[in-house]
Amino acid sequence: MGMLTEFKEFAMRGNVIDLAVGVVIGAAFGKIVTALVEKIIMPPLGMLIGKVDFSDLAWTLSAASIGPDGKEIPAVVIGYGDFLNTLVQFIIVAFAIFMVIKVINRLSRKKDAAPAAPKEEVVLLREIRDSLKK
């Protein structure tokens, strides 16, 4: 079996295609969550704590300066505001995934809770078994 044929078999498996669809949908969902956090959730939250844009929050370790050769040396900062935005995005995505899995589990439990009625042959065999026991 050639490598191309083997790759074609691998790529056409249902799991690989499902994974590809999941990645594309996940990327789109990530963009939605990013927009939700940056444009809707963080502005009011920043206003509550003092009209601060979270993405601008940073801790300056060393201020910008001019070196001896006349070139500007940029400031050294830790940008924890972007981290806070990303953390809120993660929490929203994790909660959304939790809710989807919760619904899927609930639906699968309902299917398992109602066992299918036994077939007619099984019922007849049970009746024969019970009559032989007597």
C-alpha atoms as a PDB file:
ATOM      1  CA  MET A   1       0.000   0.000   0.000  1.00  0.00           C
ATOM      2  CA  GLY A   2       1.422   3.306  -1.084  1.00  0.00           C
ATOM      3  CA  MET A   3       1.867   6.196   1.265  1.00  0.00           C
ATOM      4  CA  LEU A   4      -0.664   8.297  -0.664  1.00  0.00           C
ATOM      5  CA  THR A   5      -3.341   5.590  -0.384  1.00  0.00           C
ATOM      6  CA  GLU A   6      -2.613   5.138   3.312  1.00  0.00           C
ATOM      7  CA  PHE A   7      -2.854   8.890   3.886  1.00  0.00           C
ATOM      8  CA  LYS A   8      -6.151   9.015   1.989  1.00  0.00           C
ATOM      9  CA  GLU A   9      -7.571   6.254   4.237  1.00  0.00           C
ATOM     10  CA  PHE A  10      -6.396   8.131   7.319  1.00  0.00           C
ATOM     11  CA  ALA A  11      -7.796  11.489   6.198  1.00  0.00           C
ATOM     12  CA  MET A  12     -11.177  10.065   5.234  1.00  0.00           C
ATOM     13  CA  ARG A  13     -11.865   8.394   8.569  1.00  0.00           C
ATOM     14  CA  GLY A  14     -14.848   9.846  10.360  1.00  0.00           C
ATOM     15  CA  ASN A  15     -12.830  10.837  13.421  1.00  0.00           C
ATOM     16  CA  VAL A  16     -10.376  12.970  11.447  1.00  0.00           C
ATOM     17  CA  ILE A  17     -13.156  14.800   9.622  1.00  0.00           C
ATOM     18  CA  ASP A  18     -15.064  15.334  12.891  1.00  0.00           C
ATOM     19  CA  LEU A  19     -11.890  16.703  14.471  1.00  0.00           C
ATOM     20  CA  ALA A  20     -11.348  19.103  11.564  1.00  0.00           C
ATOM     21  CA  VAL A  21     -14.921  20.380  11.841  1.00  0.00           C
ATOM     22  CA  GLY A  22     -14.457  20.788  15.607  1.00  0.00           C
ATOM     23  CA  VAL A  23     -11.271  22.809  15.142  1.00  0.00           C
ATOM     24  CA  VAL A  24     -12.914  25.163  12.633  1.00  0.00           C
ATOM     25  CA  ILE A  25     -15.980  25.675  14.835  1.00  0.00           C
ATOM     26  CA  GLY A  26     -13.727  26.109  17.872  1.00  0.00           C
ATOM     27  CA  ALA A  27     -11.709  28.815  16.127  1.00  0.00           C
ATOM     28  CA  ALA A  28     -14.884  30.675  15.175  1.00  0.00           C
ATOM     29  CA  PHE A  29     -16.221  30.308  18.722  1.00  0.00           C
ATOM     30  CA  GLY A  30     -12.912  31.635  20.064  1.00  0.00           C
ATOM     31  CA  LYS A  31     -13.287  34.784  17.961  1.00  0.00           C
ATOM     32  CA  ILE A  32     -16.827  35.273  19.262  1.00  0.00           C
ATOM     33  CA  VAL A  33     -15.666  34.906  22.857  1.00  0.00           C
ATOM     34  CA  THR A  34     -12.742  37.271  22.284  1.00  0.00           C
ATOM     35  CA  ALA A  35     -15.076  39.934  20.919  1.00  0.00           C
ATOM     36  CA  LEU A  36     -17.515  39.341  23.791  1.00  0.00           C
ATOM     37  CA  VAL A  37     -14.810  39.753  26.416  1.00  0.00           C
ATOM     38  CA  GLU A  38     -12.959  42.695  24.848  1.00  0.00           C
ATOM     39  CA  LYS A  39     -15.963  44.694  23.640  1.00  0.00           C
ATOM     40  CA  ILE A  40     -18.805  43.847  26.038  1.00  0.00           C
ATOM     41  CA  ILE A  41     -17.601  42.408  29.367  1.00  0.00           C
ATOM     42  CA  MET A  42     -14.321  44.208  30.053  1.00  0.00           C
ATOM     43  CA  PRO A  43     -15.362  47.833  29.368  1.00  0.00           C
ATOM     44  CA  PRO A  44     -18.051  47.921  32.117  1.00  0.00           C
ATOM     45  CA  LEU A  45     -15.788  45.946  34.448  1.00  0.00           C
ATOM     46  CA  GLY A  46     -12.960  48.414  33.797  1.00  0.00           C
ATOM     47  CA  MET A  47     -15.323  51.332  34.409  1.00  0.00           C
ATOM     48  CA  LEU A  48     -16.317  49.840  37.780  1.00  0.00           C
ATOM     49  CA  ILE A  49     -12.707  49.709  38.935  1.00  0.00           C
ATOM     50  CA  GLY A  50     -11.740  53.160  37.734  1.00  0.00           C
ATOM     51  CA  LYS A  51     -12.215  53.553  33.989  1.00  0.00           C
ATOM     52  CA  VAL A  52      -9.287  51.311  33.136  1.00  0.00           C
ATOM     53  CA  ASP A  53      -8.816  49.431  29.882  1.00  0.00           C
ATOM     54  CA  PHE A  54      -7.582  46.029  31.028  1.00  0.00           C
ATOM     55  CA  SER A  55      -5.375  45.547  27.974  1.00  0.00           C
ATOM     56  CA  ASP A  56      -3.422  48.664  29.026  1.00  0.00           C
ATOM     57  CA  LEU A  57      -2.714  47.399  32.550  1.00  0.00           C
ATOM     58  CA  ALA A  58       1.005  46.782  32.965  1.00  0.00           C
ATOM     59  CA  TRP A  59       3.689  46.805  35.610  1.00  0.00           C
ATOM     60  CA  THR A  60       6.754  48.797  34.519  1.00  0.00           C
ATOM     61  CA  LEU A  61      10.012  47.195  35.578  1.00  0.00           C
ATOM     62  CA  SER A  62      12.243  49.682  33.806  1.00  0.00           C
ATOM     63  CA  ALA A  63      11.183  52.967  32.193  1.00  0.00           C
ATOM     64  CA  ALA A  64      12.139  53.798  28.622  1.00  0.00           C
ATOM     65  CA  SER A  65      15.397  55.674  28.330  1.00  0.00           C
ATOM     66  CA  ILE A  66      17.956  56.968  25.853  1.00  0.00           C
ATOM     67  CA  GLY A  67      21.146  54.942  25.573  1.00  0.00           C
ATOM     68  CA  PRO A  68      24.648  56.436  25.360  1.00  0.00           C
ATOM     69  CA  ASP A  69      24.577  56.000  21.595  1.00  0.00           C
ATOM     70  CA  GLY A  70      21.383  58.091  21.339  1.00  0.00           C
ATOM     71  CA  LYS A  71      19.065  55.163  20.601  1.00  0.00           C
ATOM     72  CA  GLU A  72      15.888  54.745  22.592  1.00  0.00           C
ATOM     73  CA  ILE A  73      15.822  51.782  24.966  1.00  0.00           C
ATOM     74  CA  PRO A  74      12.197  50.601  25.288  1.00  0.00           C
ATOM     75  CA  ALA A  75      10.553  50.170  28.659  1.00  0.00           C
ATOM     76  CA  VAL A  76      10.479  46.722  30.241  1.00  0.00           C
ATOM     77  CA  VAL A  77       6.906  45.968  31.306  1.00  0.00           C
ATOM     78  CA  ILE A  78       4.811  43.030  32.437  1.00  0.00           C
ATOM     79  CA  GLY A  79       1.459  43.340  30.665  1.00  0.00           C
ATOM     80  CA  TYR A  80      -0.900  41.614  33.085  1.00  0.00           C
ATOM     81  CA  GLY A  81      -3.984  43.273  31.563  1.00  0.00           C
ATOM     82  CA  ASP A  82      -3.848  41.067  28.479  1.00  0.00           C
ATOM     83  CA  PHE A  83      -3.498  38.097  30.807  1.00  0.00           C
ATOM     84  CA  LEU A  84      -6.672  39.134  32.643  1.00  0.00           C
ATOM     85  CA  ASN A  85      -8.549  39.418  29.317  1.00  0.00           C
ATOM     86  CA  THR A  86      -7.327  35.964  28.288  1.00  0.00           C
ATOM     87  CA  LEU A  87      -8.273  34.531  31.673  1.00  0.00           C
ATOM     88  CA  VAL A  88     -11.840  35.834  31.370  1.00  0.00           C
ATOM     89  CA  GLN A  89     -12.030  34.424  27.827  1.00  0.00           C
ATOM     90  CA  PHE A  90     -10.866  31.026  29.085  1.00  0.00           C
ATOM     91  CA  ILE A  91     -13.462  30.989  31.846  1.00  0.00           C
ATOM     92  CA  ILE A  92     -16.234  31.790  29.361  1.00  0.00           C
ATOM     93  CA  VAL A  93     -15.088  29.092  26.915  1.00  0.00           C
ATOM     94  CA  ALA A  94     -14.713  26.531  29.712  1.00  0.00           C
ATOM     95  CA  PHE A  95     -18.204  27.338  31.006  1.00  0.00           C
ATOM     96  CA  ALA A  96     -19.698  27.076  27.510  1.00  0.00           C
ATOM     97  CA  ILE A  97     -18.047  23.698  26.950  1.00  0.00           C
ATOM     98  CA  PHE A  98     -19.259  22.552  30.377  1.00  0.00           C
ATOM     99  CA  MET A  99     -22.832  23.515  29.474  1.00  0.00           C
ATOM    100  CA  VAL A 100     -22.658  21.674  26.124  1.00  0.00           C
ATOM    101  CA  ILE A 101     -21.307  18.529  27.773  1.00  0.00           C
ATOM    102  CA  LYS A 102     -23.951  18.783  30.492  1.00  0.00           C
ATOM    103  CA  VAL A 103     -26.716  18.871  27.846  1.00  0.00           C
ATOM    104  CA  ILE A 104     -25.169  15.955  25.948  1.00  0.00           C
ATOM    105  CA  ASN A 105     -24.922  13.913  29.146  1.00  0.00           C
ATOM    106  CA  ARG A 106     -28.534  14.698  30.036  1.00  0.00           C
ATOM    107  CA  LEU A 107     -29.722  13.624  26.581  1.00  0.00           C
ATOM    108  CA  SER A 108     -27.703  10.405  26.670  1.00  0.00           C
ATOM    109  CA  ARG A 109     -29.053   9.542  30.170  1.00  0.00           C
ATOM    110  CA  LYS A 110     -32.618   9.936  28.930  1.00  0.00           C
ATOM    111  CA  LYS A 111     -31.940   7.506  26.114  1.00  0.00           C
ATOM    112  CA  ASP A 112     -30.383   4.984  28.517  1.00  0.00           C
ATOM    113  CA  ALA A 113     -33.126   5.394  31.123  1.00  0.00           C
ATOM    114  CA  ALA A 114     -35.869   3.988  28.872  1.00  0.00           C
ATOM    115  CA  PRO A 115     -34.832   0.435  27.922  1.00  0.00           C
ATOM    116  CA  ALA A 116     -36.312  -0.903  24.734  1.00  0.00           C
ATOM    117  CA  ALA A 117     -39.152  -3.397  25.040  1.00  0.00           C
ATOM    118  CA  PRO A 118     -37.975  -6.974  24.536  1.00  0.00           C
ATOM    119  CA  LYS A 119     -38.614  -8.556  21.186  1.00  0.00           C
ATOM    120  CA  GLU A 120     -41.553 -10.920  20.758  1.00  0.00           C
ATOM    121  CA  GLU A 121     -39.229 -13.937  20.482  1.00  0.00           C
ATOM    122  CA  VAL A 122     -37.610 -13.088  23.803  1.00  0.00           C
ATOM    123  CA  VAL A 123     -41.005 -12.767  25.482  1.00  0.00           C
ATOM    124  CA  LEU A 124     -42.053 -16.162  24.088  1.00  0.00           C
ATOM    125  CA  LEU A 125     -38.825 -17.795  25.224  1.00  0.00           C
ATOM    126  CA  ARG A 126     -39.291 -16.364  28.723  1.00  0.00           C
ATOM    127  CA  GLU A 127     -42.836 -17.718  28.852  1.00  0.00           C
ATOM    128  CA  ILE A 128     -41.597 -21.151  27.775  1.00  0.00           C
ATOM    129  CA  ARG A 129     -38.842 -21.011  30.392  1.00  0.00           C
ATOM    130  CA  ASP A 130     -41.298 -20.003  33.108  1.00  0.00           C
ATOM    131  CA  SER A 131     -43.785 -22.766  32.136  1.00  0.00           C
ATOM    132  CA  LEU A 132     -40.984 -25.365  32.211  1.00  0.00           C
ATOM    133  CA  LYS A 133     -39.979 -24.271  35.729  1.00  0.00           C
ATOM    134  CA  LYS A 134     -43.517 -25.132  36.972  1.00  0.00           C
END
